[in-house]
Amino acid sequence: MTRIRVLSDRSTSRVDDAELARLCDEHAPALLAYAVRLTSDRELAEDIVQETLLRAWTHPDALTGERGSPRGWLLTVARNVAMDHFRARRVRPSEVSDDLIDLTELTSHDDIDLALQALVVAEGLAALTPDHRAVIVESFYAGRSVAQAAVVLGIPEGTVKSRTYYALRALKAALVERGVTS
């Protein structure tokens, strides 16, 4: 077993690029297989592996030779990342599609009320600027964190936060205008 060589500057320490490549070659296939078993979704599993290796890159102290093989730590991190993902999905609204709602398939008054609410919210979103609508869709409907939304939208995290703040205010005003809230 080789020791992980650490590059460090004043504030951070990182695993050397060559060592990270070796770590990926040695453990990524097992991590991917484990993540696929956890999630049943190959794309999500690849994201989990990537996040796990990123954490390994930024936490070289966990990969030292005194602790034995790093695979146990990597599998634990992968499991924690997957759990974090599933918890985040539970507390965020489910994703919506752009498909029209077929009102004939609705069977109860609750279904009809939900469909009408969805239509009103969609109208409110349509009233927003494209930039504000994009941050709302990425943050609330796609379930992305501020950092993930920033990457998808190609803007800084602070911009995502401020646009979300102003977008929610504008959405509330649009819904008040439509008589949905007060």
Foldseek 3Di string as FASTA:
>chain_A
DDFFDWDDDDPFIFTDPVSLVVVCVVAVVVQQVLLCVVPVDNVVSVVLSVVLSVVCGRCVVCCGPVVPHSNVVSNVSSVVVSVVVVVLCVVADEADDPDQDDPVPDDDPVSVVVNVVVVLLVVLLVPDDPVLSLLCNVVHRVSDDLVVSCVVVVHDSVVSVVSPVVSVVSSVVSCVVVVNDD
